Amino acid sequence: MRRKLALLIATYDYQDTGLRRLTAPAHDAEALAAVLRDPAIAGFEVTTLVNEPHHRIGEAIGDFYRDRRRRFSG
């Protein structure tokens, strides 16, 4: 069986003081991760990144897509 993977990225802490500080994104990402992990619902292997610097997010996206092939329905 093929592995099902998910990468969730959430940010609520911004350097720009003009943006208000949000708290829901982290909670939303964790709640979604719990649903995706549940084998009775989806059974994904989930990686969640919250408030990570852009270079870490870029690395995680690169790792997520590394060695993946496009799947075409035919």
PDB file of N, CA and C in Angstrom:
ATOM      1  N   MET A   1       0.837  -1.183   0.000  1.00  0.00           N
ATOM      2  CA  MET A   1       0.000   0.000   0.000  1.00  0.00           C
ATOM      3  C   MET A   1       0.883   1.248   0.000  1.00  0.00           C
ATOM      4  N   ARG A   2       0.481   2.228  -0.757  1.00  0.00           N
ATOM      5  CA  ARG A   2       1.238   3.478  -0.872  1.00  0.00           C
ATOM      6  C   ARG A   2       1.089   4.328   0.385  1.00  0.00           C
ATOM      7  N   ARG A   3       2.193   4.908   0.828  1.00  0.00           N
ATOM      8  CA  ARG A   3       2.172   5.803   1.990  1.00  0.00           C
ATOM      9  C   ARG A   3       1.433   7.081   1.637  1.00  0.00           C
ATOM     10  N   LYS A   4       0.648   7.549   2.572  1.00  0.00           N
ATOM     11  CA  LYS A   4      -0.038   8.833   2.411  1.00  0.00           C
ATOM     12  C   LYS A   4       0.652   9.827   3.328  1.00  0.00           C
ATOM     13  N   LEU A   5       1.163  10.885   2.732  1.00  0.00           N
ATOM     14  CA  LEU A   5       1.926  11.884   3.468  1.00  0.00           C
ATOM     15  C   LEU A   5       1.249  13.245   3.382  1.00  0.00           C
ATOM     16  N   ALA A   6       1.370  14.015   4.459  1.00  0.00           N
ATOM     17  CA  ALA A   6       0.842  15.381   4.463  1.00  0.00           C
ATOM     18  C   ALA A   6       1.861  16.291   5.143  1.00  0.00           C
ATOM     19  N   LEU A   7       2.011  17.482   4.601  1.00  0.00           N
ATOM     20  CA  LEU A   7       2.863  18.507   5.180  1.00  0.00           C
ATOM     21  C   LEU A   7       1.978  19.720   5.448  1.00  0.00           C
ATOM     22  N   LEU A   8       1.842  20.071   6.717  1.00  0.00           N
ATOM     23  CA  LEU A   8       1.029  21.225   7.110  1.00  0.00           C
ATOM     24  C   LEU A   8       1.945  22.328   7.615  1.00  0.00           C
ATOM     25  N   ILE A   9       1.709  23.533   7.127  1.00  0.00           N
ATOM     26  CA  ILE A   9       2.530  24.685   7.494  1.00  0.00           C
ATOM     27  C   ILE A   9       1.607  25.784   8.005  1.00  0.00           C
ATOM     28  N   ALA A  10       1.905  26.287   9.205  1.00  0.00           N
ATOM     29  CA  ALA A  10       1.081  27.342   9.793  1.00  0.00           C
ATOM     30  C   ALA A  10       1.989  28.427  10.363  1.00  0.00           C
ATOM     31  N   THR A  11       1.534  29.664  10.237  1.00  0.00           N
ATOM     32  CA  THR A  11       2.278  30.799  10.765  1.00  0.00           C
ATOM     33  C   THR A  11       1.314  31.745  11.449  1.00  0.00           C
ATOM     34  N   TYR A  12       1.701  32.197  12.620  1.00  0.00           N
ATOM     35  CA  TYR A  12       0.900  33.222  13.298  1.00  0.00           C
ATOM     36  C   TYR A  12       1.763  34.313  13.913  1.00  0.00           C
ATOM     37  N   ASP A  13       3.060  34.189  13.809  1.00  0.00           N
ATOM     38  CA  ASP A  13       3.967  35.172  14.384  1.00  0.00           C
ATOM     39  C   ASP A  13       4.723  35.856  13.246  1.00  0.00           C
ATOM     40  N   TYR A  14       4.432  37.125  13.032  1.00  0.00           N
ATOM     41  CA  TYR A  14       5.004  37.855  11.910  1.00  0.00           C
ATOM     42  C   TYR A  14       5.965  38.934  12.395  1.00  0.00           C
ATOM     43  N   GLN A  15       6.989  39.219  11.616  1.00  0.00           N
ATOM     44  CA  GLN A  15       7.903  40.308  11.938  1.00  0.00           C
ATOM     45  C   GLN A  15       7.238  41.653  11.699  1.00  0.00           C
ATOM     46  N   ASP A  16       6.300  41.705  10.775  1.00  0.00           N
ATOM     47  CA  ASP A  16       5.592  42.933  10.450  1.00  0.00           C
ATOM     48  C   ASP A  16       4.614  43.262  11.578  1.00  0.00           C
ATOM     49  N   THR A  17       4.866  44.349  12.296  1.00  0.00           N
ATOM     50  CA  THR A  17       4.000  44.726  13.412  1.00  0.00           C
ATOM     51  C   THR A  17       2.618  45.163  12.946  1.00  0.00           C
ATOM     52  N   GLY A  18       2.472  45.422  11.667  1.00  0.00           N
ATOM     53  CA  GLY A  18       1.169  45.791  11.126  1.00  0.00           C
ATOM     54  C   GLY A  18       0.213  44.613  11.050  1.00  0.00           C
ATOM     55  N   LEU A  19       0.738  43.420  11.121  1.00  0.00           N
ATOM     56  CA  LEU A  19      -0.111  42.233  11.103  1.00  0.00           C
ATOM     57  C   LEU A  19      -0.403  41.828  12.540  1.00  0.00           C
ATOM     58  N   ARG A  20      -1.651  41.623  12.834  1.00  0.00           N
ATOM     59  CA  ARG A  20      -1.965  41.243  14.209  1.00  0.00           C
ATOM     60  C   ARG A  20      -1.526  39.811  14.478  1.00  0.00           C
ATOM     61  N   ARG A  21      -1.294  39.542  15.691  1.00  0.00           N
ATOM     62  CA  ARG A  21      -0.834  38.215  16.106  1.00  0.00           C
ATOM     63  C   ARG A  21      -2.023  37.259  16.123  1.00  0.00           C
ATOM     64  N   LEU A  22      -1.944  36.222  15.346  1.00  0.00           N
ATOM     65  CA  LEU A  22      -3.002  35.222  15.267  1.00  0.00           C
ATOM     66  C   LEU A  22      -2.633  34.012  16.117  1.00  0.00           C
ATOM     67  N   THR A  23      -3.615  33.335  16.659  1.00  0.00           N
ATOM     68  CA  THR A  23      -3.331  32.106  17.403  1.00  0.00           C
ATOM     69  C   THR A  23      -4.008  30.899  16.762  1.00  0.00           C
ATOM     70  N   ALA A  24      -5.046  31.111  16.009  1.00  0.00           N
ATOM     71  CA  ALA A  24      -5.806  30.005  15.435  1.00  0.00           C
ATOM     72  C   ALA A  24      -5.000  29.134  14.469  1.00  0.00           C
ATOM     73  N   PRO A  25      -4.077  29.670  13.655  1.00  0.00           N
ATOM     74  CA  PRO A  25      -3.401  28.799  12.695  1.00  0.00           C
ATOM     75  C   PRO A  25      -2.712  27.574  13.318  1.00  0.00           C
ATOM     76  N   ALA A  26      -2.066  27.743  14.440  1.00  0.00           N
ATOM     77  CA  ALA A  26      -1.394  26.600  15.078  1.00  0.00           C
ATOM     78  C   ALA A  26      -2.416  25.576  15.554  1.00  0.00           C
ATOM     79  N   HIS A  27      -3.486  26.046  16.164  1.00  0.00           N
ATOM     80  CA  HIS A  27      -4.533  25.137  16.634  1.00  0.00           C
ATOM     81  C   HIS A  27      -5.212  24.440  15.462  1.00  0.00           C
ATOM     82  N   ASP A  28      -5.484  25.188  14.406  1.00  0.00           N
ATOM     83  CA  ASP A  28      -6.117  24.607  13.225  1.00  0.00           C
ATOM     84  C   ASP A  28      -5.228  23.539  12.586  1.00  0.00           C
ATOM     85  N   ALA A  29      -3.937  23.819  12.498  1.00  0.00           N
ATOM     86  CA  ALA A  29      -3.005  22.859  11.899  1.00  0.00           C
ATOM     87  C   ALA A  29      -2.943  21.584  12.729  1.00  0.00           C
ATOM     88  N   GLU A  30      -2.899  21.712  14.043  1.00  0.00           N
ATOM     89  CA  GLU A  30      -2.852  20.527  14.912  1.00  0.00           C
ATOM     90  C   GLU A  30      -4.156  19.735  14.836  1.00  0.00           C
ATOM     91  N   ALA A  31      -5.279  20.422  14.771  1.00  0.00           N
ATOM     92  CA  ALA A  31      -6.569  19.728  14.654  1.00  0.00           C
ATOM     93  C   ALA A  31      -6.662  18.991  13.324  1.00  0.00           C
ATOM     94  N   LEU A  32      -6.242  19.645  12.250  1.00  0.00           N
ATOM     95  CA  LEU A  32      -6.255  18.995  10.937  1.00  0.00           C
ATOM     96  C   LEU A  32      -5.295  17.804  10.928  1.00  0.00           C
ATOM     97  N   ALA A  33      -4.132  17.951  11.542  1.00  0.00           N
ATOM     98  CA  ALA A  33      -3.166  16.856  11.610  1.00  0.00           C
ATOM     99  C   ALA A  33      -3.762  15.651  12.333  1.00  0.00           C
ATOM    100  N   ALA A  34      -4.497  15.894  13.412  1.00  0.00           N
ATOM    101  CA  ALA A  34      -5.117  14.797  14.157  1.00  0.00           C
ATOM    102  C   ALA A  34      -6.119  14.040  13.296  1.00  0.00           C
ATOM    103  N   VAL A  35      -6.904  14.766  12.523  1.00  0.00           N
ATOM    104  CA  VAL A  35      -7.871  14.134  11.632  1.00  0.00           C
ATOM    105  C   VAL A  35      -7.153  13.341  10.540  1.00  0.00           C
ATOM    106  N   LEU A  36      -6.146  13.943   9.943  1.00  0.00           N
ATOM    107  CA  LEU A  36      -5.417  13.262   8.872  1.00  0.00           C
ATOM    108  C   LEU A  36      -4.686  12.020   9.375  1.00  0.00           C
ATOM    109  N   ARG A  37      -4.172  12.049  10.600  1.00  0.00           N
ATOM    110  CA  ARG A  37      -3.452  10.896  11.171  1.00  0.00           C
ATOM    111  C   ARG A  37      -4.376   9.740  11.521  1.00  0.00           C
ATOM    112  N   ASP A  38      -5.599  10.026  11.874  1.00  0.00           N
ATOM    113  CA  ASP A  38      -6.531   9.007  12.346  1.00  0.00           C
ATOM    114  C   ASP A  38      -6.721   7.930  11.279  1.00  0.00           C
ATOM    115  N   PRO A  39      -6.336   6.687  11.585  1.00  0.00           N
ATOM    116  CA  PRO A  39      -6.455   5.626  10.584  1.00  0.00           C
ATOM    117  C   PRO A  39      -7.893   5.334  10.172  1.00  0.00           C
ATOM    118  N   ALA A  40      -8.850   5.638  11.020  1.00  0.00           N
ATOM    119  CA  ALA A  40     -10.248   5.416  10.672  1.00  0.00           C
ATOM    120  C   ALA A  40     -10.773   6.469   9.698  1.00  0.00           C
ATOM    121  N   ILE A  41     -10.048   7.585   9.592  1.00  0.00           N
ATOM    122  CA  ILE A  41     -10.484   8.672   8.712  1.00  0.00           C
ATOM    123  C   ILE A  41      -9.600   8.758   7.478  1.00  0.00           C
ATOM    124  N   ALA A  42      -8.295   8.917   7.676  1.00  0.00           N
ATOM    125  CA  ALA A  42      -7.411   9.132   6.521  1.00  0.00           C
ATOM    126  C   ALA A  42      -6.110   8.346   6.594  1.00  0.00           C
ATOM    127  N   GLY A  43      -5.513   8.222   7.766  1.00  0.00           N
ATOM    128  CA  GLY A  43      -4.295   7.434   7.928  1.00  0.00           C
ATOM    129  C   GLY A  43      -3.039   8.022   7.306  1.00  0.00           C
ATOM    130  N   PHE A  44      -2.920   9.338   7.332  1.00  0.00           N
ATOM    131  CA  PHE A  44      -1.737   9.998   6.781  1.00  0.00           C
ATOM    132  C   PHE A  44      -0.595  10.012   7.794  1.00  0.00           C
ATOM    133  N   GLU A  45       0.623  10.054   7.294  1.00  0.00           N
ATOM    134  CA  GLU A  45       1.794  10.408   8.088  1.00  0.00           C
ATOM    135  C   GLU A  45       1.912  11.921   7.948  1.00  0.00           C
ATOM    136  N   VAL A  46       1.825  12.637   9.046  1.00  0.00           N
ATOM    137  CA  VAL A  46       1.735  14.097   8.997  1.00  0.00           C
ATOM    138  C   VAL A  46       2.963  14.749   9.616  1.00  0.00           C
ATOM    139  N   THR A  47       3.493  15.736   8.906  1.00  0.00           N
ATOM    140  CA  THR A  47       4.525  16.615   9.438  1.00  0.00           C
ATOM    141  C   THR A  47       3.899  17.999   9.551  1.00  0.00           C
ATOM    142  N   THR A  48       3.993  18.590  10.728  1.00  0.00           N
ATOM    143  CA  THR A  48       3.415  19.916  10.952  1.00  0.00           C
ATOM    144  C   THR A  48       4.533  20.885  11.340  1.00  0.00           C
ATOM    145  N   LEU A  49       4.599  22.002  10.649  1.00  0.00           N
ATOM    146  CA  LEU A  49       5.562  23.061  10.958  1.00  0.00           C
ATOM    147  C   LEU A  49       4.785  24.308  11.355  1.00  0.00           C
ATOM    148  N   VAL A  50       5.126  24.861  12.508  1.00  0.00           N
ATOM    149  CA  VAL A  50       4.457  26.073  12.993  1.00  0.00           C
ATOM    150  C   VAL A  50       5.523  27.118  13.288  1.00  0.00           C
ATOM    151  N   ASN A  51       5.355  28.287  12.683  1.00  0.00           N
ATOM    152  CA  ASN A  51       6.256  29.428  12.885  1.00  0.00           C
ATOM    153  C   ASN A  51       7.725  29.111  12.598  1.00  0.00           C
ATOM    154  N   GLU A  52       7.946  28.328  11.597  1.00  0.00           N
ATOM    155  CA  GLU A  52       9.323  28.011  11.199  1.00  0.00           C
ATOM    156  C   GLU A  52       9.837  29.094  10.251  1.00  0.00           C
ATOM    157  N   PRO A  53      11.144  29.338  10.245  1.00  0.00           N
ATOM    158  CA  PRO A  53      11.694  30.316   9.293  1.00  0.00           C
ATOM    159  C   PRO A  53      11.564  29.804   7.857  1.00  0.00           C
ATOM    160  N   HIS A  54      11.573  30.749   6.922  1.00  0.00           N
ATOM    161  CA  HIS A  54      11.322  30.389   5.520  1.00  0.00           C
ATOM    162  C   HIS A  54      12.304  29.358   4.988  1.00  0.00           C
ATOM    163  N   HIS A  55      13.562  29.392   5.429  1.00  0.00           N
ATOM    164  CA  HIS A  55      14.512  28.412   4.903  1.00  0.00           C
ATOM    165  C   HIS A  55      14.173  27.001   5.386  1.00  0.00           C
ATOM    166  N   ARG A  56      13.650  26.881   6.591  1.00  0.00           N
ATOM    167  CA  ARG A  56      13.248  25.556   7.105  1.00  0.00           C
ATOM    168  C   ARG A  56      12.019  25.045   6.354  1.00  0.00           C
ATOM    169  N   ILE A  57      11.080  25.933   6.056  1.00  0.00           N
ATOM    170  CA  ILE A  57       9.897  25.548   5.302  1.00  0.00           C
ATOM    171  C   ILE A  57      10.293  25.105   3.894  1.00  0.00           C
ATOM    172  N   GLY A  58      11.207  25.852   3.268  1.00  0.00           N
ATOM    173  CA  GLY A  58      11.693  25.468   1.943  1.00  0.00           C
ATOM    174  C   GLY A  58      12.339  24.092   1.951  1.00  0.00           C
ATOM    175  N   GLU A  59      13.137  23.816   2.977  1.00  0.00           N
ATOM    176  CA  GLU A  59      13.771  22.496   3.094  1.00  0.00           C
ATOM    177  C   GLU A  59      12.719  21.405   3.268  1.00  0.00           C
ATOM    178  N   ALA A  60      11.719  21.673   4.098  1.00  0.00           N
ATOM    179  CA  ALA A  60      10.674  20.681   4.343  1.00  0.00           C
ATOM    180  C   ALA A  60       9.871  20.392   3.080  1.00  0.00           C
ATOM    181  N   ILE A  61       9.577  21.431   2.300  1.00  0.00           N
ATOM    182  CA  ILE A  61       8.858  21.231   1.046  1.00  0.00           C
ATOM    183  C   ILE A  61       9.718  20.426   0.076  1.00  0.00           C
ATOM    184  N   GLY A  62      11.005  20.761  -0.011  1.00  0.00           N
ATOM    185  CA  GLY A  62      11.914  20.004  -0.868  1.00  0.00           C
ATOM    186  C   GLY A  62      11.989  18.548  -0.458  1.00  0.00           C
ATOM    187  N   ASP A  63      12.098  18.291   0.844  1.00  0.00           N
ATOM    188  CA  ASP A  63      12.134  16.918   1.343  1.00  0.00           C
ATOM    189  C   ASP A  63      10.828  16.187   1.052  1.00  0.00           C
ATOM    190  N   PHE A  64       9.714  16.889   1.206  1.00  0.00           N
ATOM    191  CA  PHE A  64       8.400  16.294   0.984  1.00  0.00           C
ATOM    192  C   PHE A  64       8.253  15.797  -0.458  1.00  0.00           C
ATOM    193  N   TYR A  65       8.738  16.570  -1.408  1.00  0.00           N
ATOM    194  CA  TYR A  65       8.592  16.215  -2.822  1.00  0.00           C
ATOM    195  C   TYR A  65       9.751  15.396  -3.379  1.00  0.00           C
ATOM    196  N   ARG A  66      10.813  15.264  -2.631  1.00  0.00           N
ATOM    197  CA  ARG A  66      11.966  14.501  -3.099  1.00  0.00           C
ATOM    198  C   ARG A  66      11.562  13.053  -3.337  1.00  0.00           C
ATOM    199  N   ASP A  67      12.031  12.515  -4.430  1.00  0.00           N
ATOM    200  CA  ASP A  67      11.781  11.118  -4.801  1.00  0.00           C
ATOM    201  C   ASP A  67      10.305  10.800  -4.997  1.00  0.00           C
ATOM    202  N   ARG A  68       9.522  11.779  -5.309  1.00  0.00           N
ATOM    203  CA  ARG A  68       8.107  11.551  -5.611  1.00  0.00           C
ATOM    204  C   ARG A  68       7.920  11.600  -7.117  1.00  0.00           C
ATOM    205  N   ARG A  69       7.033  10.793  -7.581  1.00  0.00           N
ATOM    206  CA  ARG A  69       6.672  10.809  -8.999  1.00  0.00           C
ATOM    207  C   ARG A  69       5.246  11.301  -9.114  1.00  0.00           C
ATOM    208  N   ARG A  70       4.994  11.932 -10.225  1.00  0.00           N
ATOM    209  CA  ARG A  70       3.620  12.348 -10.484  1.00  0.00           C
ATOM    210  C   ARG A  70       2.792  11.106 -10.761  1.00  0.00           C
ATOM    211  N   ARG A  71       1.620  11.087 -10.212  1.00  0.00           N
ATOM    212  CA  ARG A  71       0.687   9.991 -10.460  1.00  0.00           C
ATOM    213  C   ARG A  71      -0.368  10.506 -11.418  1.00  0.00           C
ATOM    214  N   PHE A  72      -0.528   9.791 -12.488  1.00  0.00           N
ATOM    215  CA  PHE A  72      -1.528  10.178 -13.479  1.00  0.00           C
ATOM    216  C   PHE A  72      -2.618   9.139 -13.503  1.00  0.00           C
ATOM    217  N   SER A  73      -3.847   9.604 -13.457  1.00  0.00           N
ATOM    218  CA  SER A  73      -4.949   8.660 -13.621  1.00  0.00           C
ATOM    219  C   SER A  73      -5.197   8.519 -15.113  1.00  0.00           C
ATOM    220  N   GLY A  74      -5.446   7.325 -15.475  1.00  0.00           N
ATOM    221  CA  GLY A  74      -5.418   7.157 -16.869  1.00  0.00           C
ATOM    222  C   GLY A  74      -6.498   6.695 -17.631  1.00  0.00           C
TER     223      GLY A  74
END
